[in-house]
Amino acid sequence: MRITRGSELTACWDAGRRRRTPHLDLAWRHSSLGHARLGLIVPRHQSSAARRNRLRRRLREILRRDVLRKLQSVDLVIRAKRSAYTASVAVLRAELTGVVETLT
């Protein structure tokens, strides 16, 4: 249920609809596969690998617990901004669930 190919990420980013939050950029488009797929982009932003992996794990856990059940058949790409590294889990959760509620 992941978007893994760069071409699929780019297609979703270019052709999909977008929404920005203080810590995340999101793009989504309808998927004909019948289920939701997620793509996660965590840029370096001059952070260590440990910080990037921590942020990636936090976002994946939020997506798994709170977001995936609410998604219909869409391709969703999430790109973390520099400010996401310092954001709390509660703030990231509120942003993601708020945006997903407007998608469905």
Protein backbone atom coordinates (compact mmCIF):
# COMPACT_ATOMS: atom_id res chain seq x y z
CA MET A 1 0.00 0.00 0.00
CA ARG A 2 2.96 2.28 -0.60
CA ILE A 3 3.81 4.45 -3.53
CA THR A 4 7.41 3.48 -4.17
CA ARG A 5 8.29 4.52 -7.68
CA GLY A 6 9.54 8.01 -8.30
CA SER A 7 7.36 8.34 -11.38
CA GLU A 8 4.22 7.60 -9.34
CA LEU A 9 5.23 10.13 -6.67
CA THR A 10 5.87 12.76 -9.33
CA ALA A 11 2.60 12.02 -11.13
CA CYS A 12 0.63 12.39 -7.90
CA TRP A 13 2.50 15.56 -7.01
CA ASP A 14 2.01 17.12 -10.46
CA ALA A 15 -1.52 15.99 -11.35
CA GLY A 16 -3.07 15.79 -7.91
CA ARG A 17 -4.66 18.32 -5.63
CA ARG A 18 -2.53 19.92 -2.94
CA ARG A 19 -2.89 21.14 0.58
CA ARG A 20 -0.31 22.78 2.83
CA THR A 21 -0.16 22.72 6.59
CA PRO A 22 2.42 24.41 8.82
CA HIS A 23 4.57 21.25 8.92
CA LEU A 24 3.52 19.17 5.89
CA ASP A 25 2.78 19.44 2.17
CA LEU A 26 0.21 16.95 0.89
CA ALA A 27 -0.84 15.95 -2.62
CA TRP A 28 -3.49 13.41 -3.56
CA ARG A 29 -5.35 12.08 -6.55
CA HIS A 30 -7.97 9.43 -7.20
CA SER A 31 -6.66 5.88 -7.55
CA SER A 32 -8.28 3.26 -9.73
CA LEU A 33 -6.74 0.41 -7.69
CA GLY A 34 -9.59 0.33 -5.19
CA HIS A 35 -7.46 1.02 -2.11
CA ALA A 36 -5.41 3.85 -0.68
CA ARG A 37 -1.66 4.12 -1.30
CA LEU A 38 0.71 6.37 0.60
CA GLY A 39 4.02 7.97 -0.28
CA LEU A 40 6.21 9.64 2.31
CA ILE A 41 8.98 12.12 1.53
CA VAL A 42 11.28 13.27 4.33
CA PRO A 43 13.98 15.58 2.91
CA ARG A 44 17.32 16.01 4.59
CA HIS A 45 17.01 19.70 5.51
CA GLN A 46 20.53 19.37 6.94
CA SER A 47 19.36 16.91 9.59
CA SER A 48 21.07 13.71 10.60
CA ALA A 49 19.89 10.31 9.43
CA ALA A 50 18.69 9.56 12.94
CA ARG A 51 16.42 12.63 12.97
CA ARG A 52 15.05 11.83 9.51
CA ASN A 53 14.32 8.23 10.47
CA ARG A 54 12.63 9.34 13.71
CA LEU A 55 10.37 11.73 11.80
CA ARG A 56 9.63 9.06 9.19
CA ARG A 57 8.68 6.54 11.90
CA ARG A 58 6.44 9.08 13.63
CA LEU A 59 4.60 9.91 10.41
CA ARG A 60 4.19 6.24 9.47
CA GLU A 61 2.75 5.43 12.88
CA ILE A 62 0.26 8.31 12.65
CA LEU A 63 -0.72 7.19 9.16
CA ARG A 64 -1.13 3.57 10.24
CA ARG A 65 -3.14 4.28 13.39
CA ASP A 66 -5.28 7.28 12.48
CA VAL A 67 -5.31 8.01 8.76
CA LEU A 68 -5.32 4.82 6.73
CA ARG A 69 -8.74 3.68 7.92
CA LYS A 70 -10.34 6.95 6.81
CA LEU A 71 -8.88 7.03 3.30
CA GLN A 72 -10.82 5.85 0.33
CA SER A 73 -9.12 4.93 -2.93
CA VAL A 74 -6.61 7.77 -3.27
CA ASP A 75 -2.89 8.09 -3.79
CA LEU A 76 -1.59 10.37 -1.04
CA VAL A 77 1.92 11.84 -1.00
CA ILE A 78 3.15 13.58 2.15
CA ARG A 79 6.27 15.74 2.18
CA ALA A 80 7.66 16.93 5.50
CA LYS A 81 8.78 20.55 5.82
CA ARG A 82 11.77 21.68 7.84
CA SER A 83 9.52 22.62 10.75
CA ALA A 84 8.21 19.04 11.03
CA TYR A 85 11.47 17.96 12.66
CA THR A 86 10.65 20.01 15.76
CA ALA A 87 6.88 19.43 15.81
CA SER A 88 5.33 17.18 18.41
CA VAL A 89 3.52 13.98 17.50
CA ALA A 90 0.22 15.50 18.64
CA VAL A 91 0.62 18.45 16.27
CA LEU A 92 1.53 16.21 13.33
CA ARG A 93 -1.41 13.91 14.12
CA ALA A 94 -3.83 16.86 14.27
CA GLU A 95 -2.61 18.20 10.92
CA LEU A 96 -2.80 14.85 9.14
CA THR A 97 -6.20 13.84 10.47
CA GLY A 98 -7.59 17.31 9.78
CA VAL A 99 -6.52 17.20 6.15
CA VAL A 100 -7.70 13.62 5.64
CA GLU A 101 -11.16 14.49 6.95
CA THR A 102 -11.49 17.10 4.20
CA LEU A 103 -10.35 14.60 1.54
CA THR A 104 -13.12 12.07 2.16
